[in-house]
Amino acid sequence: MGTITATALDGETVDEICWRMLGATAGVTEQVLALNAGLAAAGPRLPAGTQVTLPDTASAATATATIDIVQLWN
């Protein structure tokens, strides 16, 4: 899995960084927190300049790609 680095704007949340950089938050935010040990300890709003490692877009898309199947008959 490749990664990219983003720099937080003042008061930005992890979700906002994910949306700004990757265009998605579902499933991606969890990956970001896993990639950045201790990031959650900084609080919900990050200080300006905080470096955040993000999964590359291919990894992020794989994490969020799901298909719901509804089976009406057996």
PDB file of N, CA and C in Angstrom:
ATOM      1  N   MET A   1       0.852  -1.179   0.000  1.00  0.00           N
ATOM      2  CA  MET A   1       0.000   0.000   0.000  1.00  0.00           C
ATOM      3  C   MET A   1       0.887   1.227   0.000  1.00  0.00           C
ATOM      4  N   GLY A   2       0.703   2.118  -0.961  1.00  0.00           N
ATOM      5  CA  GLY A   2       1.435   3.371  -1.018  1.00  0.00           C
ATOM      6  C   GLY A   2       0.764   4.413  -0.154  1.00  0.00           C
ATOM      7  N   THR A   3       1.514   5.443   0.153  1.00  0.00           N
ATOM      8  CA  THR A   3       0.958   6.520   0.966  1.00  0.00           C
ATOM      9  C   THR A   3       1.343   7.875   0.375  1.00  0.00           C
ATOM     10  N   ILE A   4       0.598   8.880   0.790  1.00  0.00           N
ATOM     11  CA  ILE A   4       0.914  10.260   0.449  1.00  0.00           C
ATOM     12  C   ILE A   4       0.864  11.067   1.747  1.00  0.00           C
ATOM     13  N   THR A   5       1.476  12.215   1.764  1.00  0.00           N
ATOM     14  CA  THR A   5       1.491  13.050   2.960  1.00  0.00           C
ATOM     15  C   THR A   5       0.734  14.345   2.687  1.00  0.00           C
ATOM     16  N   ALA A   6      -0.102  14.717   3.650  1.00  0.00           N
ATOM     17  CA  ALA A   6      -0.847  15.973   3.568  1.00  0.00           C
ATOM     18  C   ALA A   6      -0.472  16.836   4.768  1.00  0.00           C
ATOM     19  N   THR A   7      -0.584  18.119   4.598  1.00  0.00           N
ATOM     20  CA  THR A   7      -0.344  19.059   5.684  1.00  0.00           C
ATOM     21  C   THR A   7      -1.676  19.672   6.088  1.00  0.00           C
ATOM     22  N   ALA A   8      -2.001  19.547   7.370  1.00  0.00           N
ATOM     23  CA  ALA A   8      -3.280  20.058   7.870  1.00  0.00           C
ATOM     24  C   ALA A   8      -3.314  21.577   7.852  1.00  0.00           C
ATOM     25  N   LEU A   9      -4.465  22.100   7.481  1.00  0.00           N
ATOM     26  CA  LEU A   9      -4.728  23.525   7.615  1.00  0.00           C
ATOM     27  C   LEU A   9      -5.161  23.778   9.057  1.00  0.00           C
ATOM     28  N   ASP A  10      -5.064  24.990   9.548  1.00  0.00           N
ATOM     29  CA  ASP A  10      -5.403  25.277  10.935  1.00  0.00           C
ATOM     30  C   ASP A  10      -6.843  24.896  11.248  1.00  0.00           C
ATOM     31  N   GLY A  11      -7.023  24.042  12.254  1.00  0.00           N
ATOM     32  CA  GLY A  11      -8.353  23.643  12.696  1.00  0.00           C
ATOM     33  C   GLY A  11      -9.003  22.567  11.852  1.00  0.00           C
ATOM     34  N   GLU A  12      -8.298  22.018  10.898  1.00  0.00           N
ATOM     35  CA  GLU A  12      -8.867  20.996  10.013  1.00  0.00           C
ATOM     36  C   GLU A  12      -8.985  19.663  10.750  1.00  0.00           C
ATOM     37  N   THR A  13     -10.024  18.904  10.439  1.00  0.00           N
ATOM     38  CA  THR A  13     -10.201  17.571  11.015  1.00  0.00           C
ATOM     39  C   THR A  13      -9.626  16.528  10.064  1.00  0.00           C
ATOM     40  N   VAL A  14      -9.458  15.317  10.579  1.00  0.00           N
ATOM     41  CA  VAL A  14      -8.965  14.219   9.732  1.00  0.00           C
ATOM     42  C   VAL A  14      -9.947  13.969   8.585  1.00  0.00           C
ATOM     43  N   ASP A  15     -11.241  13.998   8.879  1.00  0.00           N
ATOM     44  CA  ASP A  15     -12.252  13.821   7.830  1.00  0.00           C
ATOM     45  C   ASP A  15     -12.104  14.877   6.732  1.00  0.00           C
ATOM     46  N   GLU A  16     -11.889  16.120   7.120  1.00  0.00           N
ATOM     47  CA  GLU A  16     -11.749  17.198   6.137  1.00  0.00           C
ATOM     48  C   GLU A  16     -10.505  17.006   5.277  1.00  0.00           C
ATOM     49  N   ILE A  17      -9.425  16.543   5.881  1.00  0.00           N
ATOM     50  CA  ILE A  17      -8.202  16.270   5.110  1.00  0.00           C
ATOM     51  C   ILE A  17      -8.459  15.145   4.109  1.00  0.00           C
ATOM     52  N   CYS A  18      -9.121  14.091   4.562  1.00  0.00           N
ATOM     53  CA  CYS A  18      -9.438  12.968   3.666  1.00  0.00           C
ATOM     54  C   CYS A  18     -10.283  13.442   2.491  1.00  0.00           C
ATOM     55  N   TRP A  19     -11.268  14.261   2.770  1.00  0.00           N
ATOM     56  CA  TRP A  19     -12.144  14.767   1.703  1.00  0.00           C
ATOM     57  C   TRP A  19     -11.381  15.672   0.738  1.00  0.00           C
ATOM     58  N   ARG A  20     -10.566  16.571   1.295  1.00  0.00           N
ATOM     59  CA  ARG A  20      -9.805  17.525   0.474  1.00  0.00           C
ATOM     60  C   ARG A  20      -8.784  16.804  -0.406  1.00  0.00           C
ATOM     61  N   MET A  21      -8.117  15.810   0.140  1.00  0.00           N
ATOM     62  CA  MET A  21      -7.025  15.162  -0.582  1.00  0.00           C
ATOM     63  C   MET A  21      -7.472  13.964  -1.420  1.00  0.00           C
ATOM     64  N   LEU A  22      -8.470  13.200  -0.912  1.00  0.00           N
ATOM     65  CA  LEU A  22      -8.856  11.950  -1.573  1.00  0.00           C
ATOM     66  C   LEU A  22     -10.275  11.945  -2.119  1.00  0.00           C
ATOM     67  N   GLY A  23     -11.090  12.917  -1.705  1.00  0.00           N
ATOM     68  CA  GLY A  23     -12.467  12.970  -2.173  1.00  0.00           C
ATOM     69  C   GLY A  23     -13.368  11.930  -1.544  1.00  0.00           C
ATOM     70  N   ALA A  24     -12.943  11.381  -0.407  1.00  0.00           N
ATOM     71  CA  ALA A  24     -13.744  10.371   0.285  1.00  0.00           C
ATOM     72  C   ALA A  24     -13.398  10.383   1.764  1.00  0.00           C
ATOM     73  N   THR A  25     -14.354   9.929   2.578  1.00  0.00           N
ATOM     74  CA  THR A  25     -14.093   9.793   4.009  1.00  0.00           C
ATOM     75  C   THR A  25     -14.462   8.406   4.523  1.00  0.00           C
ATOM     76  N   ALA A  26     -15.490   7.796   3.959  1.00  0.00           N
ATOM     77  CA  ALA A  26     -15.965   6.498   4.437  1.00  0.00           C
ATOM     78  C   ALA A  26     -14.880   5.443   4.290  1.00  0.00           C
ATOM     79  N   GLY A  27     -14.483   4.865   5.407  1.00  0.00           N
ATOM     80  CA  GLY A  27     -13.453   3.833   5.395  1.00  0.00           C
ATOM     81  C   GLY A  27     -12.040   4.391   5.329  1.00  0.00           C
ATOM     82  N   VAL A  28     -11.884   5.592   4.812  1.00  0.00           N
ATOM     83  CA  VAL A  28     -10.551   6.184   4.648  1.00  0.00           C
ATOM     84  C   VAL A  28     -10.070   6.785   5.964  1.00  0.00           C
ATOM     85  N   THR A  29     -10.955   7.426   6.697  1.00  0.00           N
ATOM     86  CA  THR A  29     -10.581   8.050   7.966  1.00  0.00           C
ATOM     87  C   THR A  29      -9.979   7.026   8.916  1.00  0.00           C
ATOM     88  N   GLU A  30     -10.565   5.845   8.954  1.00  0.00           N
ATOM     89  CA  GLU A  30     -10.061   4.783   9.812  1.00  0.00           C
ATOM     90  C   GLU A  30      -8.648   4.368   9.391  1.00  0.00           C
ATOM     91  N   GLN A  31      -8.417   4.295   8.078  1.00  0.00           N
ATOM     92  CA  GLN A  31      -7.083   3.954   7.578  1.00  0.00           C
ATOM     93  C   GLN A  31      -6.064   5.022   7.976  1.00  0.00           C
ATOM     94  N   VAL A  32      -6.472   6.279   7.894  1.00  0.00           N
ATOM     95  CA  VAL A  32      -5.568   7.380   8.249  1.00  0.00           C
ATOM     96  C   VAL A  32      -5.187   7.293   9.723  1.00  0.00           C
ATOM     97  N   LEU A  33      -6.154   7.050  10.583  1.00  0.00           N
ATOM     98  CA  LEU A  33      -5.854   6.940  12.009  1.00  0.00           C
ATOM     99  C   LEU A  33      -4.944   5.752  12.288  1.00  0.00           C
ATOM    100  N   ALA A  34      -5.101   4.666  11.539  1.00  0.00           N
ATOM    101  CA  ALA A  34      -4.231   3.502  11.704  1.00  0.00           C
ATOM    102  C   ALA A  34      -2.806   3.797  11.217  1.00  0.00           C
ATOM    103  N   LEU A  35      -2.686   4.601  10.168  1.00  0.00           N
ATOM    104  CA  LEU A  35      -1.370   4.944   9.623  1.00  0.00           C
ATOM    105  C   LEU A  35      -0.620   5.974  10.468  1.00  0.00           C
ATOM    106  N   ASN A  36      -1.342   6.731  11.279  1.00  0.00           N
ATOM    107  CA  ASN A  36      -0.755   7.838  12.041  1.00  0.00           C
ATOM    108  C   ASN A  36      -0.944   7.617  13.535  1.00  0.00           C
ATOM    109  N   ALA A  37      -0.085   6.804  14.112  1.00  0.00           N
ATOM    110  CA  ALA A  37      -0.165   6.521  15.545  1.00  0.00           C
ATOM    111  C   ALA A  37      -0.075   7.827  16.335  1.00  0.00           C
ATOM    112  N   GLY A  38      -0.989   8.022  17.266  1.00  0.00           N
ATOM    113  CA  GLY A  38      -0.978   9.211  18.108  1.00  0.00           C
ATOM    114  C   GLY A  38      -1.706  10.412  17.528  1.00  0.00           C
ATOM    115  N   LEU A  39      -2.164  10.334  16.296  1.00  0.00           N
ATOM    116  CA  LEU A  39      -2.836  11.475  15.675  1.00  0.00           C
ATOM    117  C   LEU A  39      -4.117  11.847  16.419  1.00  0.00           C
ATOM    118  N   ALA A  40      -4.863  10.850  16.874  1.00  0.00           N
ATOM    119  CA  ALA A  40      -6.115  11.117  17.591  1.00  0.00           C
ATOM    120  C   ALA A  40      -5.859  11.888  18.886  1.00  0.00           C
ATOM    121  N   ALA A  41      -4.677  11.732  19.464  1.00  0.00           N
ATOM    122  CA  ALA A  41      -4.341  12.432  20.711  1.00  0.00           C
ATOM    123  C   ALA A  41      -4.226  13.949  20.493  1.00  0.00           C
ATOM    124  N   ALA A  42      -4.055  14.372  19.241  1.00  0.00           N
ATOM    125  CA  ALA A  42      -3.963  15.805  18.941  1.00  0.00           C
ATOM    126  C   ALA A  42      -5.311  16.495  19.058  1.00  0.00           C
ATOM    127  N   GLY A  43      -6.379  15.708  19.165  1.00  0.00           N
ATOM    128  CA  GLY A  43      -7.717  16.273  19.283  1.00  0.00           C
ATOM    129  C   GLY A  43      -8.429  16.287  17.941  1.00  0.00           C
ATOM    130  N   PRO A  44      -9.704  16.673  17.946  1.00  0.00           N
ATOM    131  CA  PRO A  44     -10.489  16.635  16.706  1.00  0.00           C
ATOM    132  C   PRO A  44     -10.048  17.669  15.665  1.00  0.00           C
ATOM    133  N   ARG A  45      -9.564  18.811  16.102  1.00  0.00           N
ATOM    134  CA  ARG A  45      -9.100  19.863  15.194  1.00  0.00           C
ATOM    135  C   ARG A  45      -7.581  19.919  15.272  1.00  0.00           C
ATOM    136  N   LEU A  46      -6.925  19.675  14.150  1.00  0.00           N
ATOM    137  CA  LEU A  46      -5.471  19.615  14.120  1.00  0.00           C
ATOM    138  C   LEU A  46      -4.847  21.000  13.992  1.00  0.00           C
ATOM    139  N   PRO A  47      -3.678  21.177  14.600  1.00  0.00           N
ATOM    140  CA  PRO A  47      -2.962  22.440  14.425  1.00  0.00           C
ATOM    141  C   PRO A  47      -2.437  22.561  12.991  1.00  0.00           C
ATOM    142  N   ALA A  48      -2.320  23.773  12.513  1.00  0.00           N
ATOM    143  CA  ALA A  48      -1.771  24.004  11.170  1.00  0.00           C
ATOM    144  C   ALA A  48      -0.377  23.404  11.080  1.00  0.00           C
ATOM    145  N   GLY A  49      -0.109  22.771   9.946  1.00  0.00           N
ATOM    146  CA  GLY A  49       1.212  22.206   9.714  1.00  0.00           C
ATOM    147  C   GLY A  49       1.379  20.767  10.138  1.00  0.00           C
ATOM    148  N   THR A  50       0.366  20.182  10.781  1.00  0.00           N
ATOM    149  CA  THR A  50       0.455  18.780  11.181  1.00  0.00           C
ATOM    150  C   THR A  50       0.571  17.918   9.933  1.00  0.00           C
ATOM    151  N   GLN A  51       1.598  17.078   9.902  1.00  0.00           N
ATOM    152  CA  GLN A  51       1.802  16.173   8.769  1.00  0.00           C
ATOM    153  C   GLN A  51       0.959  14.919   8.986  1.00  0.00           C
ATOM    154  N   VAL A  52       0.163  14.546   7.984  1.00  0.00           N
ATOM    155  CA  VAL A  52      -0.739  13.407   8.075  1.00  0.00           C
ATOM    156  C   VAL A  52      -0.460  12.482   6.898  1.00  0.00           C
ATOM    157  N   THR A  53      -0.193  11.211   7.200  1.00  0.00           N
ATOM    158  CA  THR A  53       0.020  10.215   6.158  1.00  0.00           C
ATOM    159  C   THR A  53      -1.330   9.655   5.737  1.00  0.00           C
ATOM    160  N   LEU A  54      -1.586   9.655   4.427  1.00  0.00           N
ATOM    161  CA  LEU A  54      -2.847   9.170   3.871  1.00  0.00           C
ATOM    162  C   LEU A  54      -2.574   7.957   2.990  1.00  0.00           C
ATOM    163  N   PRO A  55      -3.546   7.041   2.895  1.00  0.00           N
ATOM    164  CA  PRO A  55      -3.373   5.937   1.944  1.00  0.00           C
ATOM    165  C   PRO A  55      -3.483   6.490   0.526  1.00  0.00           C
ATOM    166  N   ASP A  56      -2.824   5.835  -0.424  1.00  0.00           N
ATOM    167  CA  ASP A  56      -2.970   6.301  -1.809  1.00  0.00           C
ATOM    168  C   ASP A  56      -4.408   6.069  -2.258  1.00  0.00           C
ATOM    169  N   THR A  57      -4.803   6.695  -3.332  1.00  0.00           N
ATOM    170  CA  THR A  57      -6.204   6.646  -3.762  1.00  0.00           C
ATOM    171  C   THR A  57      -6.645   5.241  -4.135  1.00  0.00           C
ATOM    172  N   ALA A  58      -5.765   4.400  -4.659  1.00  0.00           N
ATOM    173  CA  ALA A  58      -6.139   3.027  -5.011  1.00  0.00           C
ATOM    174  C   ALA A  58      -6.484   2.242  -3.757  1.00  0.00           C
ATOM    175  N   SER A  59      -5.696   2.400  -2.698  1.00  0.00           N
ATOM    176  CA  SER A  59      -5.971   1.704  -1.442  1.00  0.00           C
ATOM    177  C   SER A  59      -7.246   2.225  -0.802  1.00  0.00           C
ATOM    178  N   ALA A  60      -7.443   3.524  -0.864  1.00  0.00           N
ATOM    179  CA  ALA A  60      -8.644   4.127  -0.290  1.00  0.00           C
ATOM    180  C   ALA A  60      -9.887   3.646  -1.017  1.00  0.00           C
ATOM    181  N   ALA A  61      -9.820   3.554  -2.337  1.00  0.00           N
ATOM    182  CA  ALA A  61     -10.974   3.102  -3.118  1.00  0.00           C
ATOM    183  C   ALA A  61     -11.302   1.649  -2.806  1.00  0.00           C
ATOM    184  N   THR A  62     -10.295   0.830  -2.625  1.00  0.00           N
ATOM    185  CA  THR A  62     -10.513  -0.579  -2.301  1.00  0.00           C
ATOM    186  C   THR A  62     -11.203  -0.719  -0.958  1.00  0.00           C
ATOM    187  N   ALA A  63     -10.832   0.120  -0.013  1.00  0.00           N
ATOM    188  CA  ALA A  63     -11.404   0.037   1.323  1.00  0.00           C
ATOM    189  C   ALA A  63     -12.868   0.446   1.341  1.00  0.00           C
ATOM    190  N   THR A  64     -13.264   1.328   0.443  1.00  0.00           N
ATOM    191  CA  THR A  64     -14.629   1.835   0.482  1.00  0.00           C
ATOM    192  C   THR A  64     -15.545   1.185  -0.553  1.00  0.00           C
ATOM    193  N   ALA A  65     -14.993   0.354  -1.429  1.00  0.00           N
ATOM    194  CA  ALA A  65     -15.808  -0.267  -2.469  1.00  0.00           C
ATOM    195  C   ALA A  65     -16.541  -1.475  -1.897  1.00  0.00           C
ATOM    196  N   THR A  66     -17.847  -1.348  -1.749  1.00  0.00           N
ATOM    197  CA  THR A  66     -18.671  -2.464  -1.291  1.00  0.00           C
ATOM    198  C   THR A  66     -19.891  -2.572  -2.188  1.00  0.00           C
ATOM    199  N   ILE A  67     -20.404  -3.759  -2.257  1.00  0.00           N
ATOM    200  CA  ILE A  67     -21.609  -4.003  -3.049  1.00  0.00           C
ATOM    201  C   ILE A  67     -22.620  -4.681  -2.151  1.00  0.00           C
ATOM    202  N   ASP A  68     -23.785  -4.062  -2.009  1.00  0.00           N
ATOM    203  CA  ASP A  68     -24.869  -4.687  -1.246  1.00  0.00           C
ATOM    204  C   ASP A  68     -25.725  -5.498  -2.201  1.00  0.00           C
ATOM    205  N   ILE A  69     -25.904  -6.752  -1.856  1.00  0.00           N
ATOM    206  CA  ILE A  69     -26.711  -7.639  -2.685  1.00  0.00           C
ATOM    207  C   ILE A  69     -27.971  -8.007  -1.909  1.00  0.00           C
ATOM    208  N   VAL A  70     -29.099  -7.833  -2.549  1.00  0.00           N
ATOM    209  CA  VAL A  70     -30.372  -8.192  -1.950  1.00  0.00           C
ATOM    210  C   VAL A  70     -30.909  -9.381  -2.737  1.00  0.00           C
ATOM    211  N   GLN A  71     -31.108 -10.489  -2.048  1.00  0.00           N
ATOM    212  CA  GLN A  71     -31.635 -11.681  -2.682  1.00  0.00           C
ATOM    213  C   GLN A  71     -33.098 -11.847  -2.281  1.00  0.00           C
ATOM    214  N   LEU A  72     -33.984 -11.731  -3.262  1.00  0.00           N
ATOM    215  CA  LEU A  72     -35.413 -11.788  -2.970  1.00  0.00           C
ATOM    216  C   LEU A  72     -35.938 -13.218  -2.957  1.00  0.00           C
ATOM    217  N   TRP A  73     -35.356 -14.078  -3.746  1.00  0.00           N
ATOM    218  CA  TRP A  73     -35.807 -15.457  -3.808  1.00  0.00           C
ATOM    219  C   TRP A  73     -34.617 -16.394  -3.685  1.00  0.00           C
ATOM    220  N   ASN A  74     -34.877 -17.591  -3.176  1.00  0.00           N
ATOM    221  CA  ASN A  74     -33.813 -18.610  -3.111  1.00  0.00           C
ATOM    222  C   ASN A  74     -33.779 -19.424  -4.365  1.00  0.00           C
TER     223      ASN A  74
END
